[in-house]
PDB file of N, CA and C in Angstrom:
ATOM      1  N   UNK A   1      63.867 177.983  85.333  1.00  0.00           N
ATOM      2  CA  UNK A   1      64.272 178.045  84.337  1.00  0.00           C
ATOM      3  C   UNK A   1      64.677 179.331  83.348  1.00  0.00           C
ATOM      4  N   UNK A   2      64.653 180.785  84.243  1.00  0.00           N
ATOM      5  CA  UNK A   2      64.482 182.185  83.653  1.00  0.00           C
ATOM      6  C   UNK A   2      65.334 182.598  84.334  1.00  0.00           C
ATOM      7  N   UNK A   3      66.335 182.066  85.648  1.00  0.00           N
ATOM      8  CA  UNK A   3      67.828 182.497  86.174  1.00  0.00           C
ATOM      9  C   UNK A   3      66.623 183.157  86.988  1.00  0.00           C
ATOM     10  N   UNK A   4      66.006 183.900  87.411  1.00  0.00           N
ATOM     11  CA  UNK A   4      65.515 184.896  88.360  1.00  0.00           C
ATOM     12  C   UNK A   4      65.061 184.551  89.538  1.00  0.00           C
ATOM     13  N   UNK A   5      64.526 183.220  89.781  1.00  0.00           N
ATOM     14  CA  UNK A   5      64.780 182.449  91.353  1.00  0.00           C
ATOM     15  C   UNK A   5      65.755 181.077  91.692  1.00  0.00           C
ATOM     16  N   UNK A   6      65.325 181.157  92.546  1.00  0.00           N
ATOM     17  CA  UNK A   6      66.464 179.763  93.141  1.00  0.00           C
ATOM     18  C   UNK A   6      65.965 179.676  94.098  1.00  0.00           C
ATOM     19  N   UNK A   7      65.619 177.846  94.059  1.00  0.00           N
ATOM     20  CA  UNK A   7      65.111 177.039  95.199  1.00  0.00           C
ATOM     21  C   UNK A   7      66.150 177.063  96.143  1.00  0.00           C
ATOM     22  N   UNK A   8      65.683 177.603  97.805  1.00  0.00           N
ATOM     23  CA  UNK A   8      66.708 176.768  98.863  1.00  0.00           C
ATOM     24  C   UNK A   8      65.891 175.494  99.505  1.00  0.00           C
ATOM     25  N   UNK A   9      66.557 174.389  99.197  1.00  0.00           N
ATOM     26  CA  UNK A   9      65.375 173.262 100.005  1.00  0.00           C
ATOM     27  C   UNK A   9      66.294 173.198 101.685  1.00  0.00           C
ATOM     28  N   UNK A  10      65.716 172.848 102.911  1.00  0.00           N
ATOM     29  CA  UNK A  10      66.436 172.890 103.731  1.00  0.00           C
ATOM     30  C   UNK A  10      66.015 172.028 104.940  1.00  0.00           C
ATOM     31  N   UNK A  11      66.904 171.128 105.597  1.00  0.00           N
ATOM     32  CA  UNK A  11      66.850 170.306 106.513  1.00  0.00           C
ATOM     33  C   UNK A  11      65.762 170.685 107.434  1.00  0.00           C
ATOM     34  N   UNK A  12      65.318 171.957 107.942  1.00  0.00           N
ATOM     35  CA  UNK A  12      64.543 172.616 108.783  1.00  0.00           C
ATOM     36  C   UNK A  12      62.820 172.579 107.902  1.00  0.00           C
ATOM     37  N   UNK A  13      62.682 171.513 106.744  1.00  0.00           N
ATOM     38  CA  UNK A  13      61.378 170.435 106.124  1.00  0.00           C
ATOM     39  C   UNK A  13      61.160 172.081 105.111  1.00  0.00           C
ATOM     40  N   UNK A  14      61.566 172.848 104.927  1.00  0.00           N
ATOM     41  CA  UNK A  14      61.123 174.095 105.053  1.00  0.00           C
ATOM     42  C   UNK A  14      61.346 174.597 103.280  1.00  0.00           C
ATOM     43  N   UNK A  15      61.431 175.438 102.260  1.00  0.00           N
ATOM     44  CA  UNK A  15      61.668 175.448 101.317  1.00  0.00           C
ATOM     45  C   UNK A  15      61.656 176.694 100.662  1.00  0.00           C
ATOM     46  N   UNK A  16      62.565 177.673 100.352  1.00  0.00           N
ATOM     47  CA  UNK A  16      62.643 178.958  99.956  1.00  0.00           C
ATOM     48  C   UNK A  16      62.938 179.443  98.618  1.00  0.00           C
ATOM     49  N   UNK A  17      62.253 179.936  97.835  1.00  0.00           N
ATOM     50  CA  UNK A  17      61.884 180.682  96.434  1.00  0.00           C
ATOM     51  C   UNK A  17      62.665 182.115  96.862  1.00  0.00           C
ATOM     52  N   UNK A  18      63.960 182.520  96.334  1.00  0.00           N
ATOM     53  CA  UNK A  18      64.734 183.246  96.771  1.00  0.00           C
ATOM     54  C   UNK A  18      64.853 183.564  95.202  1.00  0.00           C
ATOM     55  N   UNK A  19      64.629 185.288  95.100  1.00  0.00           N
ATOM     56  CA  UNK A  19      65.237 186.462  93.935  1.00  0.00           C
ATOM     57  C   UNK A  19      65.850 186.649  93.921  1.00  0.00           C
ATOM     58  N   UNK A  20      67.103 185.720  92.563  1.00  0.00           N
ATOM     59  CA  UNK A  20      67.954 186.404  92.955  1.00  0.00           C
ATOM     60  C   UNK A  20      68.900 187.774  92.591  1.00  0.00           C
ATOM     61  N   UNK A  21      68.290 188.575  91.862  1.00  0.00           N
ATOM     62  CA  UNK A  21      69.023 189.608  91.961  1.00  0.00           C
ATOM     63  C   UNK A  21      68.435 190.312  93.084  1.00  0.00           C
ATOM     64  N   UNK A  22      67.781 189.811  94.295  1.00  0.00           N
ATOM     65  CA  UNK A  22      68.115 190.678  95.359  1.00  0.00           C
ATOM     66  C   UNK A  22      67.998 189.811  97.226  1.00  0.00           C
ATOM     67  N   UNK A  23      68.253 188.689  96.255  1.00  0.00           N
ATOM     68  CA  UNK A  23      68.666 187.883  97.582  1.00  0.00           C
ATOM     69  C   UNK A  23      67.779 188.361  98.463  1.00  0.00           C
ATOM     70  N   UNK A  24      66.383 188.655  98.053  1.00  0.00           N
ATOM     71  CA  UNK A  24      64.965 188.479  99.395  1.00  0.00           C
ATOM     72  C   UNK A  24      64.338 187.096  98.799  1.00  0.00           C
ATOM     73  N   UNK A  25      63.811 186.901  99.929  1.00  0.00           N
ATOM     74  CA  UNK A  25      63.221 185.518 100.053  1.00  0.00           C
ATOM     75  C   UNK A  25      61.077 185.693  99.223  1.00  0.00           C
ATOM     76  N   UNK A  26      60.945 185.450  98.587  1.00  0.00           N
ATOM     77  CA  UNK A  26      59.819 185.738  97.383  1.00  0.00           C
ATOM     78  C   UNK A  26      58.884 184.853  98.199  1.00  0.00           C
ATOM     79  N   UNK A  27      58.950 182.844  98.555  1.00  0.00           N
ATOM     80  CA  UNK A  27      57.841 182.623  99.043  1.00  0.00           C
ATOM     81  C   UNK A  27      58.827 181.433 100.019  1.00  0.00           C
ATOM     82  N   UNK A  28      58.037 181.240 101.199  1.00  0.00           N
ATOM     83  CA  UNK A  28      58.018 180.565 101.702  1.00  0.00           C
ATOM     84  C   UNK A  28      57.883 179.196 101.757  1.00  0.00           C
ATOM     85  N   UNK A  29      57.915 177.986 101.472  1.00  0.00           N
ATOM     86  CA  UNK A  29      57.280 177.261 101.368  1.00  0.00           C
ATOM     87  C   UNK A  29      57.251 175.753 102.755  1.00  0.00           C
ATOM     88  N   UNK A  30      56.454 175.762 103.636  1.00  0.00           N
ATOM     89  CA  UNK A  30      56.936 175.381 104.786  1.00  0.00           C
ATOM     90  C   UNK A  30      55.183 174.302 105.203  1.00  0.00           C
ATOM     91  N   UNK A  31      55.515 173.485 106.199  1.00  0.00           N
ATOM     92  CA  UNK A  31      54.130 172.057 106.559  1.00  0.00           C
ATOM     93  C   UNK A  31      53.737 171.158 105.516  1.00  0.00           C
ATOM     94  N   UNK A  32      54.875 171.019 104.197  1.00  0.00           N
ATOM     95  CA  UNK A  32      54.452 170.327 103.391  1.00  0.00           C
ATOM     96  C   UNK A  32      54.944 169.211 103.751  1.00  0.00           C
ATOM     97  N   UNK A  33      56.104 168.717 104.162  1.00  0.00           N
ATOM     98  CA  UNK A  33      56.702 168.146 104.957  1.00  0.00           C
ATOM     99  C   UNK A  33      57.422 167.881 106.101  1.00  0.00           C
ATOM    100  N   UNK A  34      57.416 166.838 106.634  1.00  0.00           N
ATOM    101  CA  UNK A  34      58.126 165.760 107.982  1.00  0.00           C
ATOM    102  C   UNK A  34      58.958 166.139 108.488  1.00  0.00           C
ATOM    103  N   UNK A  35      60.033 165.936 107.354  1.00  0.00           N
ATOM    104  CA  UNK A  35      61.772 165.486 107.486  1.00  0.00           C
ATOM    105  C   UNK A  35      62.334 166.649 106.593  1.00  0.00           C
ATOM    106  N   UNK A  36      63.183 166.363 106.502  1.00  0.00           N
ATOM    107  CA  UNK A  36      63.878 167.364 106.022  1.00  0.00           C
ATOM    108  C   UNK A  36      64.055 167.311 103.917  1.00  0.00           C
ATOM    109  N   UNK A  37      63.712 168.239 103.340  1.00  0.00           N
ATOM    110  CA  UNK A  37      63.984 168.366 101.410  1.00  0.00           C
ATOM    111  C   UNK A  37      65.204 167.542 101.641  1.00  0.00           C
ATOM    112  N   UNK A  38      64.810 167.080 100.725  1.00  0.00           N
ATOM    113  CA  UNK A  38      66.451 166.690 100.229  1.00  0.00           C
ATOM    114  C   UNK A  38      66.959 167.066  98.966  1.00  0.00           C
ATOM    115  N   UNK A  39      66.066 167.701  98.466  1.00  0.00           N
ATOM    116  CA  UNK A  39      66.522 167.942  96.633  1.00  0.00           C
ATOM    117  C   UNK A  39      65.252 168.803  96.330  1.00  0.00           C
ATOM    118  N   UNK A  40      65.543 169.474  95.132  1.00  0.00           N
ATOM    119  CA  UNK A  40      64.529 170.306  94.452  1.00  0.00           C
ATOM    120  C   UNK A  40      64.854 170.575  92.973  1.00  0.00           C
ATOM    121  N   UNK A  41      63.808 170.897  92.298  1.00  0.00           N
ATOM    122  CA  UNK A  41      63.748 171.352  90.682  1.00  0.00           C
ATOM    123  C   UNK A  41      63.011 172.064  90.346  1.00  0.00           C
ATOM    124  N   UNK A  42      63.013 172.625  89.441  1.00  0.00           N
ATOM    125  CA  UNK A  42      61.608 173.775  88.349  1.00  0.00           C
ATOM    126  C   UNK A  42      61.165 172.934  87.685  1.00  0.00           C
ATOM    127  N   UNK A  43      59.994 172.778  87.369  1.00  0.00           N
ATOM    128  CA  UNK A  43      59.876 171.996  85.633  1.00  0.00           C
ATOM    129  C   UNK A  43      60.433 173.021  84.886  1.00  0.00           C
ATOM    130  N   UNK A  44      60.504 172.600  83.615  1.00  0.00           N
ATOM    131  CA  UNK A  44      61.232 173.360  82.242  1.00  0.00           C
ATOM    132  C   UNK A  44      60.821 174.988  81.833  1.00  0.00           C
ATOM    133  N   UNK A  45      58.964 175.422  82.447  1.00  0.00           N
ATOM    134  CA  UNK A  45      58.342 176.211  82.034  1.00  0.00           C
ATOM    135  C   UNK A  45      58.303 177.052  83.850  1.00  0.00           C
ATOM    136  N   UNK A  46      58.848 176.343  84.443  1.00  0.00           N
ATOM    137  CA  UNK A  46      59.393 177.132  85.882  1.00  0.00           C
ATOM    138  C   UNK A  46      57.674 177.104  86.252  1.00  0.00           C
ATOM    139  N   UNK A  47      56.484 176.665  86.376  1.00  0.00           N
ATOM    140  CA  UNK A  47      55.931 176.740  87.142  1.00  0.00           C
ATOM    141  C   UNK A  47      55.136 175.900  88.146  1.00  0.00           C
ATOM    142  N   UNK A  48      56.462 175.014  88.066  1.00  0.00           N
ATOM    143  CA  UNK A  48      55.828 173.714  89.384  1.00  0.00           C
ATOM    144  C   UNK A  48      57.576 173.038  89.748  1.00  0.00           C
ATOM    145  N   UNK A  49      57.076 173.034  91.477  1.00  0.00           N
ATOM    146  CA  UNK A  49      58.449 172.437  91.653  1.00  0.00           C
ATOM    147  C   UNK A  49      58.364 172.013  92.633  1.00  0.00           C
ATOM    148  N   UNK A  50      59.601 171.322  92.132  1.00  0.00           N
ATOM    149  CA  UNK A  50      59.186 169.802  92.365  1.00  0.00           C
ATOM    150  C   UNK A  50      60.155 169.415  94.134  1.00  0.00           C
ATOM    151  N   UNK A  51      59.357 168.951  95.276  1.00  0.00           N
ATOM    152  CA  UNK A  51      60.288 168.341  96.323  1.00  0.00           C
ATOM    153  C   UNK A  51      60.454 166.830  96.666  1.00  0.00           C
ATOM    154  N   UNK A  52      61.586 166.457  96.735  1.00  0.00           N
ATOM    155  CA  UNK A  52      61.742 165.682  97.699  1.00  0.00           C
ATOM    156  C   UNK A  52      61.950 165.126  98.717  1.00  0.00           C
ATOM    157  N   UNK A  53      61.272 164.715 100.023  1.00  0.00           N
ATOM    158  CA  UNK A  53      62.060 164.537 101.040  1.00  0.00           C
ATOM    159  C   UNK A  53      62.119 163.489 101.673  1.00  0.00           C
ATOM    160  N   UNK A  54      63.026 163.226 102.777  1.00  0.00           N
ATOM    161  CA  UNK A  54      63.354 161.889 103.696  1.00  0.00           C
ATOM    162  C   UNK A  54      62.541 161.573 104.024  1.00  0.00           C
ATOM    163  N   UNK A  55      60.802 162.248 104.104  1.00  0.00           N
ATOM    164  CA  UNK A  55      60.016 161.641 104.255  1.00  0.00           C
ATOM    165  C   UNK A  55      58.974 160.589 103.794  1.00  0.00           C
ATOM    166  N   UNK A  56      59.815 160.931 102.904  1.00  0.00           N
ATOM    167  CA  UNK A  56      59.615 159.268 101.985  1.00  0.00           C
ATOM    168  C   UNK A  56      58.141 159.999 100.894  1.00  0.00           C
ATOM    169  N   UNK A  57      58.186 160.843 100.522  1.00  0.00           N
ATOM    170  CA  UNK A  57      57.091 161.956  99.905  1.00  0.00           C
ATOM    171  C   UNK A  57      57.455 162.679  98.953  1.00  0.00           C
ATOM    172  N   UNK A  58      57.409 162.812  97.926  1.00  0.00           N
ATOM    173  CA  UNK A  58      57.396 163.779  96.955  1.00  0.00           C
ATOM    174  C   UNK A  58      56.652 164.857  96.550  1.00  0.00           C
ATOM    175  N   UNK A  59      56.684 166.095  96.450  1.00  0.00           N
ATOM    176  CA  UNK A  59      55.122 167.180  96.099  1.00  0.00           C
ATOM    177  C   UNK A  59      55.499 168.137  95.238  1.00  0.00           C
ATOM    178  N   UNK A  60      54.715 168.359  94.645  1.00  0.00           N
ATOM    179  CA  UNK A  60      54.904 169.258  93.135  1.00  0.00           C
ATOM    180  C   UNK A  60      54.315 170.674  93.510  1.00  0.00           C
ATOM    181  N   UNK A  61      54.636 170.956  93.186  1.00  0.00           N
ATOM    182  CA  UNK A  61      54.308 172.753  94.608  1.00  0.00           C
ATOM    183  C   UNK A  61      54.018 174.013  93.103  1.00  0.00           C
ATOM    184  N   UNK A  62      52.994 174.958  93.071  1.00  0.00           N
ATOM    185  CA  UNK A  62      52.441 175.648  92.425  1.00  0.00           C
ATOM    186  C   UNK A  62      53.328 177.434  92.175  1.00  0.00           C
ATOM    187  N   UNK A  63      54.106 177.118  91.619  1.00  0.00           N
ATOM    188  CA  UNK A  63      55.200 178.288  92.223  1.00  0.00           C
ATOM    189  C   UNK A  63      54.815 179.711  92.740  1.00  0.00           C
ATOM    190  N   UNK A  64      53.615 179.686  91.732  1.00  0.00           N
ATOM    191  CA  UNK A  64      52.777 181.400  91.744  1.00  0.00           C
ATOM    192  C   UNK A  64      52.196 181.412  93.248  1.00  0.00           C
ATOM    193  N   UNK A  65      51.641 180.112  94.105  1.00  0.00           N
ATOM    194  CA  UNK A  65      50.796 180.265  95.168  1.00  0.00           C
ATOM    195  C   UNK A  65      51.835 179.764  95.892  1.00  0.00           C
ATOM    196  N   UNK A  66      52.546 178.746  96.129  1.00  0.00           N
ATOM    197  CA  UNK A  66      52.465 177.719  96.863  1.00  0.00           C
ATOM    198  C   UNK A  66      51.889 176.587  97.235  1.00  0.00           C
ATOM    199  N   UNK A  67      50.747 176.510  96.613  1.00  0.00           N
ATOM    200  CA  UNK A  67      49.842 175.209  96.683  1.00  0.00           C
ATOM    201  C   UNK A  67      50.124 174.146  96.447  1.00  0.00           C
ATOM    202  N   UNK A  68      50.512 173.290  97.247  1.00  0.00           N
ATOM    203  CA  UNK A  68      51.137 171.418  96.368  1.00  0.00           C
ATOM    204  C   UNK A  68      49.793 170.648  95.450  1.00  0.00           C
ATOM    205  N   UNK A  69      50.311 170.817  94.180  1.00  0.00           N
ATOM    206  CA  UNK A  69      49.783 170.710  93.046  1.00  0.00           C
ATOM    207  C   UNK A  69      49.235 168.994  93.319  1.00  0.00           C
ATOM    208  N   UNK A  70      50.291 168.424  93.995  1.00  0.00           N
ATOM    209  CA  UNK A  70      50.180 166.477  93.980  1.00  0.00           C
ATOM    210  C   UNK A  70      51.296 166.763  94.835  1.00  0.00           C
ATOM    211  N   UNK A  71      50.355 165.488  96.014  1.00  0.00           N
ATOM    212  CA  UNK A  71      51.907 164.845  96.649  1.00  0.00           C
ATOM    213  C   UNK A  71      52.027 163.478  96.531  1.00  0.00           C
ATOM    214  N   UNK A  72      53.127 162.991  96.569  1.00  0.00           N
ATOM    215  CA  UNK A  72      53.225 161.395  95.880  1.00  0.00           C
ATOM    216  C   UNK A  72      53.981 160.881  96.815  1.00  0.00           C
ATOM    217  N   UNK A  73      52.854 159.162  97.332  1.00  0.00           N
ATOM    218  CA  UNK A  73      53.836 158.710  99.065  1.00  0.00           C
ATOM    219  C   UNK A  73      54.493 157.613  98.589  1.00  0.00           C
ATOM    220  N   UNK A  74      54.883 157.162  99.443  1.00  0.00           N
ATOM    221  CA  UNK A  74      55.451 156.065  99.002  1.00  0.00           C
ATOM    222  C   UNK A  74      57.444 155.693  98.331  1.00  0.00           C
ATOM    223  N   UNK A  75      57.776 157.257  97.993  1.00  0.00           N
ATOM    224  CA  UNK A  75      58.617 157.206  97.414  1.00  0.00           C
ATOM    225  C   UNK A  75      60.343 156.253  97.947  1.00  0.00           C
ATOM    226  N   UNK A  76      61.056 156.487  97.408  1.00  0.00           N
ATOM    227  CA  UNK A  76      62.477 155.700  98.277  1.00  0.00           C
ATOM    228  C   UNK A  76      63.107 156.745  98.800  1.00  0.00           C
ATOM    229  N   UNK A  77      63.453 156.835  99.810  1.00  0.00           N
ATOM    230  CA  UNK A  77      64.136 157.457 101.440  1.00  0.00           C
ATOM    231  C   UNK A  77      64.919 157.617 100.688  1.00  0.00           C
ATOM    232  N   UNK A  78      66.265 157.747  99.117  1.00  0.00           N
ATOM    233  CA  UNK A  78      66.887 159.017  98.718  1.00  0.00           C
ATOM    234  C   UNK A  78      66.228 159.090  97.765  1.00  0.00           C
ATOM    235  N   UNK A  79      64.964 159.195  97.677  1.00  0.00           N
ATOM    236  CA  UNK A  79      65.028 159.944  95.925  1.00  0.00           C
ATOM    237  C   UNK A  79      65.170 161.364  95.762  1.00  0.00           C
ATOM    238  N   UNK A  80      65.681 161.357  94.897  1.00  0.00           N
ATOM    239  CA  UNK A  80      65.848 163.153  94.679  1.00  0.00           C
ATOM    240  C   UNK A  80      65.223 163.499  93.764  1.00  0.00           C
ATOM    241  N   UNK A  81      64.957 164.857  92.989  1.00  0.00           N
ATOM    242  CA  UNK A  81      64.332 165.467  92.138  1.00  0.00           C
ATOM    243  C   UNK A  81      64.830 165.575  91.224  1.00  0.00           C
ATOM    244  N   UNK A  82      63.677 165.211  89.510  1.00  0.00           N
ATOM    245  CA  UNK A  82      64.486 165.376  88.367  1.00  0.00           C
ATOM    246  C   UNK A  82      63.627 165.772  87.325  1.00  0.00           C
ATOM    247  N   UNK A  83      63.634 167.135  86.918  1.00  0.00           N
ATOM    248  CA  UNK A  83      62.215 167.512  85.916  1.00  0.00           C
ATOM    249  C   UNK A  83      63.377 167.087  84.875  1.00  0.00           C
ATOM    250  N   UNK A  84      62.711 167.103  83.652  1.00  0.00           N
ATOM    251  CA  UNK A  84      62.781 166.898  81.902  1.00  0.00           C
ATOM    252  C   UNK A  84      62.667 167.967  81.447  1.00  0.00           C
ATOM    253  N   UNK A  85      63.536 168.294  80.352  1.00  0.00           N
ATOM    254  CA  UNK A  85      63.439 168.944  79.763  1.00  0.00           C
ATOM    255  C   UNK A  85      62.336 168.994  78.322  1.00  0.00           C
ATOM    256  N   UNK A  86      61.553 168.539  77.990  1.00  0.00           N
ATOM    257  CA  UNK A  86      60.791 168.173  76.969  1.00  0.00           C
ATOM    258  C   UNK A  86      59.625 168.950  77.037  1.00  0.00           C
ATOM    259  N   UNK A  87      59.236 169.873  78.539  1.00  0.00           N
ATOM    260  CA  UNK A  87      58.390 170.523  78.451  1.00  0.00           C
ATOM    261  C   UNK A  87      57.141 169.721  78.609  1.00  0.00           C
ATOM    262  N   UNK A  88      56.897 168.760  78.983  1.00  0.00           N
ATOM    263  CA  UNK A  88      55.901 167.224  78.963  1.00  0.00           C
ATOM    264  C   UNK A  88      56.222 166.796  80.508  1.00  0.00           C
ATOM    265  N   UNK A  89      57.144 166.685  81.002  1.00  0.00           N
ATOM    266  CA  UNK A  89      56.934 165.869  82.461  1.00  0.00           C
ATOM    267  C   UNK A  89      57.070 167.493  83.094  1.00  0.00           C
ATOM    268  N   UNK A  90      55.827 168.010  84.493  1.00  0.00           N
ATOM    269  CA  UNK A  90      56.052 169.044  85.565  1.00  0.00           C
ATOM    270  C   UNK A  90      57.045 168.425  86.773  1.00  0.00           C
ATOM    271  N   UNK A  91      57.186 167.052  87.215  1.00  0.00           N
ATOM    272  CA  UNK A  91      58.020 166.713  88.165  1.00  0.00           C
ATOM    273  C   UNK A  91      57.977 164.806  87.871  1.00  0.00           C
ATOM    274  N   UNK A  92      59.350 164.876  88.929  1.00  0.00           N
ATOM    275  CA  UNK A  92      59.644 163.497  88.894  1.00  0.00           C
ATOM    276  C   UNK A  92      60.261 163.195  89.311  1.00  0.00           C
ATOM    277  N   UNK A  93      60.442 162.020  90.053  1.00  0.00           N
ATOM    278  CA  UNK A  93      61.189 161.299  91.005  1.00  0.00           C
ATOM    279  C   UNK A  93      62.094 160.895  90.460  1.00  0.00           C
ATOM    280  N   UNK A  94      63.383 160.672  91.124  1.00  0.00           N
ATOM    281  CA  UNK A  94      64.526 159.417  90.529  1.00  0.00           C
ATOM    282  C   UNK A  94      64.367 158.504  91.471  1.00  0.00           C
ATOM    283  N   UNK A  95      64.643 157.356  90.573  1.00  0.00           N
ATOM    284  CA  UNK A  95      64.909 156.239  92.336  1.00  0.00           C
ATOM    285  C   UNK A  95      63.246 155.904  92.777  1.00  0.00           C
ATOM    286  N   UNK A  96      62.040 157.088  92.741  1.00  0.00           N
ATOM    287  CA  UNK A  96      61.155 156.259  92.696  1.00  0.00           C
ATOM    288  C   UNK A  96      60.137 156.170  91.885  1.00  0.00           C
ATOM    289  N   UNK A  97      60.425 156.102  90.428  1.00  0.00           N
ATOM    290  CA  UNK A  97      59.166 155.745  90.255  1.00  0.00           C
ATOM    291  C   UNK A  97      58.304 156.776  89.687  1.00  0.00           C
ATOM    292  N   UNK A  98      58.107 158.101  89.721  1.00  0.00           N
ATOM    293  CA  UNK A  98      56.778 158.218  89.921  1.00  0.00           C
ATOM    294  C   UNK A  98      57.284 160.384  89.418  1.00  0.00           C
ATOM    295  N   UNK A  99      56.016 160.096  88.418  1.00  0.00           N
ATOM    296  CA  UNK A  99      56.678 161.136  87.975  1.00  0.00           C
ATOM    297  C   UNK A  99      54.962 162.029  87.454  1.00  0.00           C
ATOM    298  N   UNK A 100      54.867 163.057  87.151  1.00  0.00           N
ATOM    299  CA  UNK A 100      53.147 163.735  87.027  1.00  0.00           C
ATOM    300  C   UNK A 100      53.667 164.829  85.748  1.00  0.00           C
ATOM    301  N   UNK A 101      52.126 163.904  85.080  1.00  0.00           N
ATOM    302  CA  UNK A 101      52.642 164.948  83.409  1.00  0.00           C
ATOM    303  C   UNK A 101      51.185 166.192  83.598  1.00  0.00           C
ATOM    304  N   UNK A 102      51.504 166.745  83.080  1.00  0.00           N
ATOM    305  CA  UNK A 102      50.365 168.176  82.334  1.00  0.00           C
ATOM    306  C   UNK A 102      49.719 167.301  82.616  1.00  0.00           C
TER     307      UNK A 102
END
């Protein structure tokens, strides 16, 4: 949201948070999903990252620690993350009808 960090979601089941100004990996998130991470998005306040995976789960990740805040099971295999801009929704999964509120 502030333009300083980029998330690279990967088929190798990991996501990397990248410092845009230096291209350095700030944090690597691994061991959360058993299949490729298909999409990602940051919450409007930048504190939470939503990862949707081909393993039919979505995870809400605390950006500052890399810890899983919540894992949502049984989402559609083609689910993709969408984060609302209203500041109320921390993460969501399109087609999976799942969301997590503050």
